């Protein structure tokens, strides 16, 4: 499996961010090749990410340096995308 980077840009108190984190932690055992990093939008790194990827809603989900979703996520589509990236 190819390595995949998963970055989540989250904001404090964001319930969708929390849902994504819970979802990710429920499937991450199946994805040992994925390196996960959570970045808080209130930090300087978070602000840079928000500007770089033009993220206007949390969470911002970035896979291998490309914005995949903002403001929500579809678990099935997310897993499908991880599968695709892991095979490339």
C-alpha atoms as a PDB file:
ATOM      1  CA  UNK A   1       0.000   0.000   0.000  1.00  0.00           C
ATOM      2  CA  UNK A   2       1.246   3.442  -0.863  1.00  0.00           C
ATOM      3  CA  UNK A   3       1.572   5.978   1.956  1.00  0.00           C
ATOM      4  CA  UNK A   4      -1.245   8.517   2.217  1.00  0.00           C
ATOM      5  CA  UNK A   5      -1.311  11.745   4.200  1.00  0.00           C
ATOM      6  CA  UNK A   6      -4.587  12.779   5.799  1.00  0.00           C
ATOM      7  CA  UNK A   7      -4.842  16.256   7.263  1.00  0.00           C
ATOM      8  CA  UNK A   8      -7.931  17.565   8.988  1.00  0.00           C
ATOM      9  CA  UNK A   9      -8.361  21.279   9.530  1.00  0.00           C
ATOM     10  CA  UNK A  10     -10.755  21.545  12.451  1.00  0.00           C
ATOM     11  CA  UNK A  11     -12.192  24.298  14.575  1.00  0.00           C
ATOM     12  CA  UNK A  12     -12.964  24.224  18.300  1.00  0.00           C
ATOM     13  CA  UNK A  13     -16.518  23.131  19.050  1.00  0.00           C
ATOM     14  CA  UNK A  14     -17.162  21.857  15.516  1.00  0.00           C
ATOM     15  CA  UNK A  15     -19.476  18.842  15.807  1.00  0.00           C
ATOM     16  CA  UNK A  16     -18.860  17.700  12.217  1.00  0.00           C
ATOM     17  CA  UNK A  17     -15.110  17.763  12.921  1.00  0.00           C
ATOM     18  CA  UNK A  18     -15.725  15.539  15.947  1.00  0.00           C
ATOM     19  CA  UNK A  19     -17.876  13.194  13.827  1.00  0.00           C
ATOM     20  CA  UNK A  20     -15.094  12.913  11.252  1.00  0.00           C
ATOM     21  CA  UNK A  21     -12.483  12.230  13.942  1.00  0.00           C
ATOM     22  CA  UNK A  22     -14.678   9.512  15.467  1.00  0.00           C
ATOM     23  CA  UNK A  23     -15.258   8.016  12.018  1.00  0.00           C
ATOM     24  CA  UNK A  24     -11.537   8.093  11.207  1.00  0.00           C
ATOM     25  CA  UNK A  25     -10.596   6.464  14.527  1.00  0.00           C
ATOM     26  CA  UNK A  26     -13.166   3.719  13.858  1.00  0.00           C
ATOM     27  CA  UNK A  27     -11.514   2.788  10.523  1.00  0.00           C
ATOM     28  CA  UNK A  28      -7.870   3.804  10.969  1.00  0.00           C
ATOM     29  CA  UNK A  29      -6.803   0.282  12.038  1.00  0.00           C
ATOM     30  CA  UNK A  30      -7.582  -0.760   8.446  1.00  0.00           C
ATOM     31  CA  UNK A  31      -5.272   1.941   7.068  1.00  0.00           C
ATOM     32  CA  UNK A  32      -1.758   1.550   8.564  1.00  0.00           C
ATOM     33  CA  UNK A  33      -0.377   3.404   5.519  1.00  0.00           C
ATOM     34  CA  UNK A  34      -2.286   6.619   6.351  1.00  0.00           C
ATOM     35  CA  UNK A  35      -0.551   9.300   8.388  1.00  0.00           C
ATOM     36  CA  UNK A  36      -3.205  11.409  10.155  1.00  0.00           C
ATOM     37  CA  UNK A  37      -2.708  14.940  11.412  1.00  0.00           C
ATOM     38  CA  UNK A  38      -5.279  17.250  12.962  1.00  0.00           C
ATOM     39  CA  UNK A  39      -4.609  20.981  12.639  1.00  0.00           C
ATOM     40  CA  UNK A  40      -6.598  23.539  14.641  1.00  0.00           C
ATOM     41  CA  UNK A  41      -7.741  26.439  12.465  1.00  0.00           C
ATOM     42  CA  UNK A  42      -7.046  28.893  15.305  1.00  0.00           C
ATOM     43  CA  UNK A  43      -3.276  28.220  15.082  1.00  0.00           C
ATOM     44  CA  UNK A  44      -0.956  29.977  12.634  1.00  0.00           C
ATOM     45  CA  UNK A  45      -0.463  26.662  10.787  1.00  0.00           C
ATOM     46  CA  UNK A  46      -4.250  26.265  10.615  1.00  0.00           C
ATOM     47  CA  UNK A  47      -4.678  29.770   9.217  1.00  0.00           C
ATOM     48  CA  UNK A  48      -2.060  29.065   6.542  1.00  0.00           C
ATOM     49  CA  UNK A  49      -3.852  25.841   5.566  1.00  0.00           C
ATOM     50  CA  UNK A  50      -7.230  27.585   5.420  1.00  0.00           C
ATOM     51  CA  UNK A  51      -5.799  30.197   3.049  1.00  0.00           C
ATOM     52  CA  UNK A  52      -3.789  27.734   0.941  1.00  0.00           C
ATOM     53  CA  UNK A  53      -6.759  25.421   0.333  1.00  0.00           C
ATOM     54  CA  UNK A  54      -9.461  28.135   0.481  1.00  0.00           C
ATOM     55  CA  UNK A  55     -11.277  26.289   3.279  1.00  0.00           C
ATOM     56  CA  UNK A  56     -14.355  28.209   4.403  1.00  0.00           C
ATOM     57  CA  UNK A  57     -16.101  25.491   6.454  1.00  0.00           C
ATOM     58  CA  UNK A  58     -14.855  22.924   8.955  1.00  0.00           C
ATOM     59  CA  UNK A  59     -13.656  20.317   8.721  1.00  0.00           C
ATOM     60  CA  UNK A  60     -11.297  20.690   5.825  1.00  0.00           C
ATOM     61  CA  UNK A  61     -10.163  17.217   4.796  1.00  0.00           C
ATOM     62  CA  UNK A  62      -6.948  17.112   2.791  1.00  0.00           C
ATOM     63  CA  UNK A  63      -5.649  13.907   1.206  1.00  0.00           C
ATOM     64  CA  UNK A  64      -2.111  13.840  -0.195  1.00  0.00           C
ATOM     65  CA  UNK A  65      -2.017  17.621  -0.347  1.00  0.00           C
ATOM     66  CA  UNK A  66      -5.338  18.014  -2.179  1.00  0.00           C
ATOM     67  CA  UNK A  67      -8.540  19.321  -0.660  1.00  0.00           C
ATOM     68  CA  UNK A  68     -11.048  16.447  -0.625  1.00  0.00           C
ATOM     69  CA  UNK A  69     -13.975  17.914   1.340  1.00  0.00           C
ATOM     70  CA  UNK A  70     -15.049  20.858   3.476  1.00  0.00           C
ATOM     71  CA  UNK A  71     -17.937  21.281   5.884  1.00  0.00           C
ATOM     72  CA  UNK A  72     -18.863  17.594   5.875  1.00  0.00           C
ATOM     73  CA  UNK A  73     -17.903  14.182   4.612  1.00  0.00           C
ATOM     74  CA  UNK A  74     -19.298  10.953   3.202  1.00  0.00           C
ATOM     75  CA  UNK A  75     -17.730   7.964   4.952  1.00  0.00           C
ATOM     76  CA  UNK A  76     -18.159   5.564   2.024  1.00  0.00           C
ATOM     77  CA  UNK A  77     -16.660   8.030  -0.464  1.00  0.00           C
ATOM     78  CA  UNK A  78     -13.816   8.763   1.951  1.00  0.00           C
ATOM     79  CA  UNK A  79     -12.906   5.076   2.286  1.00  0.00           C
ATOM     80  CA  UNK A  80     -13.173   4.651  -1.498  1.00  0.00           C
ATOM     81  CA  UNK A  81     -10.779   7.580  -1.998  1.00  0.00           C
ATOM     82  CA  UNK A  82      -8.324   6.131   0.549  1.00  0.00           C
ATOM     83  CA  UNK A  83      -8.452   2.838  -1.330  1.00  0.00           C
ATOM     84  CA  UNK A  84      -7.728   4.593  -4.652  1.00  0.00           C
ATOM     85  CA  UNK A  85      -4.819   6.608  -3.223  1.00  0.00           C
ATOM     86  CA  UNK A  86      -3.346   3.525  -1.545  1.00  0.00           C
ATOM     87  CA  UNK A  87      -3.254   1.675  -4.892  1.00  0.00           C
ATOM     88  CA  UNK A  88      -1.698   4.429  -7.017  1.00  0.00           C
END
